[in-house]
């Protein structure tokens, strides 16, 4: 029996939620980035990552966002979860070409080594601190920020 490959669950405000393997992510157009960031436990890290832009992955899942204007996009957030329980938040505006336009990746390889067995890694090239680099990504949720003026239960 072959071991199951890790998958990434895309869910939330999407018309086409999905469970994708690293091999399926590799079908999307890949980007390559060379990064340097500070890791609290291991010091400065330098790596080359390759994989699809997070924006491309989400566009394929058809986000339920009104793209006719700009302001309504600003309230959407992404929560990215790793197998170890680590989570990071990215705003839609960071990846949207009309705003930050950052090439944040769901990397399928690191330093030329495929990540099929471990699962993809969230790579945030603009961050100097590596805390938003999430290894073994298991889920990406897209949703709107609630109204801060209203208390939640």
C-alpha atoms as a PDB file:
ATOM      1  CA  UNK A   1       0.000   0.000   0.000  1.00  0.00           C
ATOM      2  CA  UNK A   2       1.421   3.395  -0.985  1.00  0.00           C
ATOM      3  CA  UNK A   3       1.305   6.176   1.594  1.00  0.00           C
ATOM      4  CA  UNK A   4      -1.237   8.944   1.031  1.00  0.00           C
ATOM      5  CA  UNK A   5       0.133  12.144  -0.422  1.00  0.00           C
ATOM      6  CA  UNK A   6      -0.553  15.295   1.583  1.00  0.00           C
ATOM      7  CA  UNK A   7      -3.269  17.547   0.228  1.00  0.00           C
ATOM      8  CA  UNK A   8      -4.146  21.207   0.597  1.00  0.00           C
ATOM      9  CA  UNK A   9      -7.791  21.955   1.252  1.00  0.00           C
ATOM     10  CA  UNK A  10      -8.964  25.176  -0.434  1.00  0.00           C
ATOM     11  CA  UNK A  11     -12.170  26.324   1.248  1.00  0.00           C
ATOM     12  CA  UNK A  12     -14.215  29.315   2.297  1.00  0.00           C
ATOM     13  CA  UNK A  13     -15.658  31.856  -0.130  1.00  0.00           C
ATOM     14  CA  UNK A  14     -14.864  29.802  -3.241  1.00  0.00           C
ATOM     15  CA  UNK A  15     -17.114  28.531  -6.016  1.00  0.00           C
ATOM     16  CA  UNK A  16     -14.798  25.568  -6.580  1.00  0.00           C
ATOM     17  CA  UNK A  17     -13.327  24.412  -3.263  1.00  0.00           C
ATOM     18  CA  UNK A  18     -10.757  21.684  -3.779  1.00  0.00           C
ATOM     19  CA  UNK A  19      -8.252  19.272  -2.252  1.00  0.00           C
ATOM     20  CA  UNK A  20      -4.980  19.510  -4.188  1.00  0.00           C
ATOM     21  CA  UNK A  21      -1.772  17.484  -4.048  1.00  0.00           C
ATOM     22  CA  UNK A  22       1.640  18.967  -4.755  1.00  0.00           C
ATOM     23  CA  UNK A  23       1.528  17.240  -8.169  1.00  0.00           C
ATOM     24  CA  UNK A  24      -1.758  19.016  -8.954  1.00  0.00           C
ATOM     25  CA  UNK A  25      -0.310  22.369  -7.835  1.00  0.00           C
ATOM     26  CA  UNK A  26       2.626  21.754 -10.166  1.00  0.00           C
ATOM     27  CA  UNK A  27       0.221  21.889 -13.150  1.00  0.00           C
ATOM     28  CA  UNK A  28      -0.289  25.628 -12.547  1.00  0.00           C
ATOM     29  CA  UNK A  29       2.262  28.128 -13.912  1.00  0.00           C
ATOM     30  CA  UNK A  30       5.298  28.112 -11.617  1.00  0.00           C
ATOM     31  CA  UNK A  31       7.315  31.019 -10.328  1.00  0.00           C
ATOM     32  CA  UNK A  32      10.808  30.841  -8.856  1.00  0.00           C
ATOM     33  CA  UNK A  33      12.029  33.043  -6.015  1.00  0.00           C
ATOM     34  CA  UNK A  34      15.282  33.296  -4.107  1.00  0.00           C
ATOM     35  CA  UNK A  35      14.636  34.398  -0.542  1.00  0.00           C
ATOM     36  CA  UNK A  36      16.463  35.285   2.620  1.00  0.00           C
ATOM     37  CA  UNK A  37      14.692  35.502   5.964  1.00  0.00           C
ATOM     38  CA  UNK A  38      15.424  35.317   9.665  1.00  0.00           C
ATOM     39  CA  UNK A  39      14.356  32.137  11.443  1.00  0.00           C
ATOM     40  CA  UNK A  40      14.202  32.518  15.213  1.00  0.00           C
ATOM     41  CA  UNK A  41      15.454  28.986  15.861  1.00  0.00           C
ATOM     42  CA  UNK A  42      17.921  28.530  12.973  1.00  0.00           C
ATOM     43  CA  UNK A  43      19.112  32.054  12.139  1.00  0.00           C
ATOM     44  CA  UNK A  44      19.315  33.461   8.629  1.00  0.00           C
ATOM     45  CA  UNK A  45      17.924  31.176   5.949  1.00  0.00           C
ATOM     46  CA  UNK A  46      18.518  31.363   2.188  1.00  0.00           C
ATOM     47  CA  UNK A  47      16.481  29.189  -0.133  1.00  0.00           C
ATOM     48  CA  UNK A  48      15.190  28.933  -3.668  1.00  0.00           C
ATOM     49  CA  UNK A  49      11.516  28.034  -3.967  1.00  0.00           C
ATOM     50  CA  UNK A  50       9.405  27.152  -6.967  1.00  0.00           C
ATOM     51  CA  UNK A  51       5.649  26.788  -7.260  1.00  0.00           C
ATOM     52  CA  UNK A  52       2.454  28.541  -8.256  1.00  0.00           C
ATOM     53  CA  UNK A  53       1.531  31.973  -6.996  1.00  0.00           C
ATOM     54  CA  UNK A  54      -1.097  31.785  -4.258  1.00  0.00           C
ATOM     55  CA  UNK A  55      -3.207  34.166  -6.353  1.00  0.00           C
ATOM     56  CA  UNK A  56      -3.224  31.696  -9.272  1.00  0.00           C
ATOM     57  CA  UNK A  57      -4.201  28.816  -6.991  1.00  0.00           C
ATOM     58  CA  UNK A  58      -7.114  30.817  -5.598  1.00  0.00           C
ATOM     59  CA  UNK A  59      -8.228  32.133  -8.984  1.00  0.00           C
ATOM     60  CA  UNK A  60      -8.535  28.517 -10.175  1.00  0.00           C
ATOM     61  CA  UNK A  61     -10.877  27.907  -7.219  1.00  0.00           C
ATOM     62  CA  UNK A  62     -12.979  30.929  -8.261  1.00  0.00           C
ATOM     63  CA  UNK A  63     -13.110  33.244  -5.248  1.00  0.00           C
ATOM     64  CA  UNK A  64     -16.508  34.712  -4.438  1.00  0.00           C
ATOM     65  CA  UNK A  65     -15.242  38.288  -4.388  1.00  0.00           C
ATOM     66  CA  UNK A  66     -16.767  41.211  -6.258  1.00  0.00           C
ATOM     67  CA  UNK A  67     -13.930  42.236  -8.577  1.00  0.00           C
ATOM     68  CA  UNK A  68     -15.872  45.103 -10.224  1.00  0.00           C
ATOM     69  CA  UNK A  69     -14.465  47.579  -7.718  1.00  0.00           C
ATOM     70  CA  UNK A  70     -11.462  47.738  -5.465  1.00  0.00           C
ATOM     71  CA  UNK A  71     -12.593  48.520  -1.937  1.00  0.00           C
ATOM     72  CA  UNK A  72     -14.721  45.401  -1.455  1.00  0.00           C
ATOM     73  CA  UNK A  73     -11.624  43.221  -2.023  1.00  0.00           C
ATOM     74  CA  UNK A  74      -9.820  44.821   0.905  1.00  0.00           C
ATOM     75  CA  UNK A  75     -11.884  42.986   3.516  1.00  0.00           C
ATOM     76  CA  UNK A  76     -10.864  39.479   2.411  1.00  0.00           C
ATOM     77  CA  UNK A  77      -8.292  37.458   4.334  1.00  0.00           C
ATOM     78  CA  UNK A  78      -6.540  34.147   3.804  1.00  0.00           C
ATOM     79  CA  UNK A  79      -5.740  31.816   6.669  1.00  0.00           C
ATOM     80  CA  UNK A  80      -3.038  29.284   5.819  1.00  0.00           C
ATOM     81  CA  UNK A  81      -2.626  26.251   8.087  1.00  0.00           C
ATOM     82  CA  UNK A  82       0.285  23.828   8.352  1.00  0.00           C
ATOM     83  CA  UNK A  83       0.347  20.207   9.494  1.00  0.00           C
ATOM     84  CA  UNK A  84       2.068  21.244  12.751  1.00  0.00           C
ATOM     85  CA  UNK A  85      -0.768  23.633  13.676  1.00  0.00           C
ATOM     86  CA  UNK A  86       1.133  26.758  12.599  1.00  0.00           C
ATOM     87  CA  UNK A  87      -1.107  29.361  10.941  1.00  0.00           C
ATOM     88  CA  UNK A  88      -0.470  32.582   9.099  1.00  0.00           C
ATOM     89  CA  UNK A  89      -2.786  35.259   7.747  1.00  0.00           C
ATOM     90  CA  UNK A  90      -2.363  37.008   4.410  1.00  0.00           C
ATOM     91  CA  UNK A  91      -4.681  39.739   3.168  1.00  0.00           C
ATOM     92  CA  UNK A  92      -6.152  39.545  -0.320  1.00  0.00           C
ATOM     93  CA  UNK A  93      -4.705  43.029  -0.917  1.00  0.00           C
ATOM     94  CA  UNK A  94      -1.167  41.659  -0.477  1.00  0.00           C
ATOM     95  CA  UNK A  95      -1.549  39.321  -3.474  1.00  0.00           C
ATOM     96  CA  UNK A  96      -3.952  41.412  -5.591  1.00  0.00           C
ATOM     97  CA  UNK A  97      -2.124  43.116  -8.501  1.00  0.00           C
ATOM     98  CA  UNK A  98      -4.160  46.323  -7.916  1.00  0.00           C
ATOM     99  CA  UNK A  99      -2.649  46.617  -4.424  1.00  0.00           C
ATOM    100  CA  UNK A 100       0.487  44.868  -3.094  1.00  0.00           C
ATOM    101  CA  UNK A 101       0.828  42.413  -5.970  1.00  0.00           C
ATOM    102  CA  UNK A 102       3.241  40.221  -3.984  1.00  0.00           C
ATOM    103  CA  UNK A 103       4.198  36.892  -5.521  1.00  0.00           C
ATOM    104  CA  UNK A 104       3.409  34.804  -2.477  1.00  0.00           C
ATOM    105  CA  UNK A 105       3.852  31.147  -3.405  1.00  0.00           C
ATOM    106  CA  UNK A 106       2.557  27.742  -2.504  1.00  0.00           C
ATOM    107  CA  UNK A 107       5.964  26.226  -3.178  1.00  0.00           C
ATOM    108  CA  UNK A 108       6.172  22.723  -4.621  1.00  0.00           C
ATOM    109  CA  UNK A 109       9.963  22.522  -4.333  1.00  0.00           C
ATOM    110  CA  UNK A 110      12.667  23.976  -2.097  1.00  0.00           C
ATOM    111  CA  UNK A 111      16.261  24.234  -3.292  1.00  0.00           C
ATOM    112  CA  UNK A 112      15.361  21.941  -6.184  1.00  0.00           C
ATOM    113  CA  UNK A 113      13.958  19.181  -3.943  1.00  0.00           C
ATOM    114  CA  UNK A 114      10.280  18.330  -4.497  1.00  0.00           C
ATOM    115  CA  UNK A 115       7.906  18.796  -1.557  1.00  0.00           C
ATOM    116  CA  UNK A 116       5.493  16.017  -2.612  1.00  0.00           C
ATOM    117  CA  UNK A 117       5.986  13.982   0.582  1.00  0.00           C
ATOM    118  CA  UNK A 118       5.937  16.931   3.006  1.00  0.00           C
ATOM    119  CA  UNK A 119       3.337  19.098   1.294  1.00  0.00           C
ATOM    120  CA  UNK A 120       3.676  22.603  -0.139  1.00  0.00           C
ATOM    121  CA  UNK A 121       5.130  25.551   1.729  1.00  0.00           C
ATOM    122  CA  UNK A 122       3.757  29.080   1.953  1.00  0.00           C
ATOM    123  CA  UNK A 123       6.531  31.443   0.867  1.00  0.00           C
ATOM    124  CA  UNK A 124       6.224  35.186   1.538  1.00  0.00           C
ATOM    125  CA  UNK A 125       9.274  36.687  -0.220  1.00  0.00           C
ATOM    126  CA  UNK A 126       8.783  40.214   1.166  1.00  0.00           C
ATOM    127  CA  UNK A 127       8.922  39.133   4.814  1.00  0.00           C
ATOM    128  CA  UNK A 128      12.239  39.594   6.652  1.00  0.00           C
ATOM    129  CA  UNK A 129      11.020  37.313   9.437  1.00  0.00           C
ATOM    130  CA  UNK A 130      10.213  33.725   8.476  1.00  0.00           C
ATOM    131  CA  UNK A 131       7.169  33.386  10.744  1.00  0.00           C
ATOM    132  CA  UNK A 132       4.682  33.428   7.829  1.00  0.00           C
ATOM    133  CA  UNK A 133       6.575  30.695   5.982  1.00  0.00           C
ATOM    134  CA  UNK A 134       4.202  27.797   6.697  1.00  0.00           C
ATOM    135  CA  UNK A 135       5.581  24.306   6.061  1.00  0.00           C
ATOM    136  CA  UNK A 136       3.427  21.337   5.064  1.00  0.00           C
ATOM    137  CA  UNK A 137       0.400  23.499   4.193  1.00  0.00           C
ATOM    138  CA  UNK A 138      -2.836  21.570   4.791  1.00  0.00           C
ATOM    139  CA  UNK A 139      -5.472  24.260   4.230  1.00  0.00           C
ATOM    140  CA  UNK A 140      -6.062  27.694   2.757  1.00  0.00           C
ATOM    141  CA  UNK A 141      -9.271  29.450   3.802  1.00  0.00           C
ATOM    142  CA  UNK A 142     -10.567  32.597   2.096  1.00  0.00           C
ATOM    143  CA  UNK A 143     -13.178  34.775   3.742  1.00  0.00           C
ATOM    144  CA  UNK A 144     -14.254  38.300   4.603  1.00  0.00           C
ATOM    145  CA  UNK A 145     -13.263  40.120   7.751  1.00  0.00           C
ATOM    146  CA  UNK A 146     -16.290  40.574   9.980  1.00  0.00           C
ATOM    147  CA  UNK A 147     -17.558  43.967  11.036  1.00  0.00           C
ATOM    148  CA  UNK A 148     -15.282  45.084  13.914  1.00  0.00           C
ATOM    149  CA  UNK A 149     -18.058  47.362  15.241  1.00  0.00           C
ATOM    150  CA  UNK A 150     -20.253  44.319  15.941  1.00  0.00           C
ATOM    151  CA  UNK A 151     -19.435  42.052  18.843  1.00  0.00           C
ATOM    152  CA  UNK A 152     -19.202  38.368  17.966  1.00  0.00           C
ATOM    153  CA  UNK A 153     -20.545  35.574  20.085  1.00  0.00           C
END
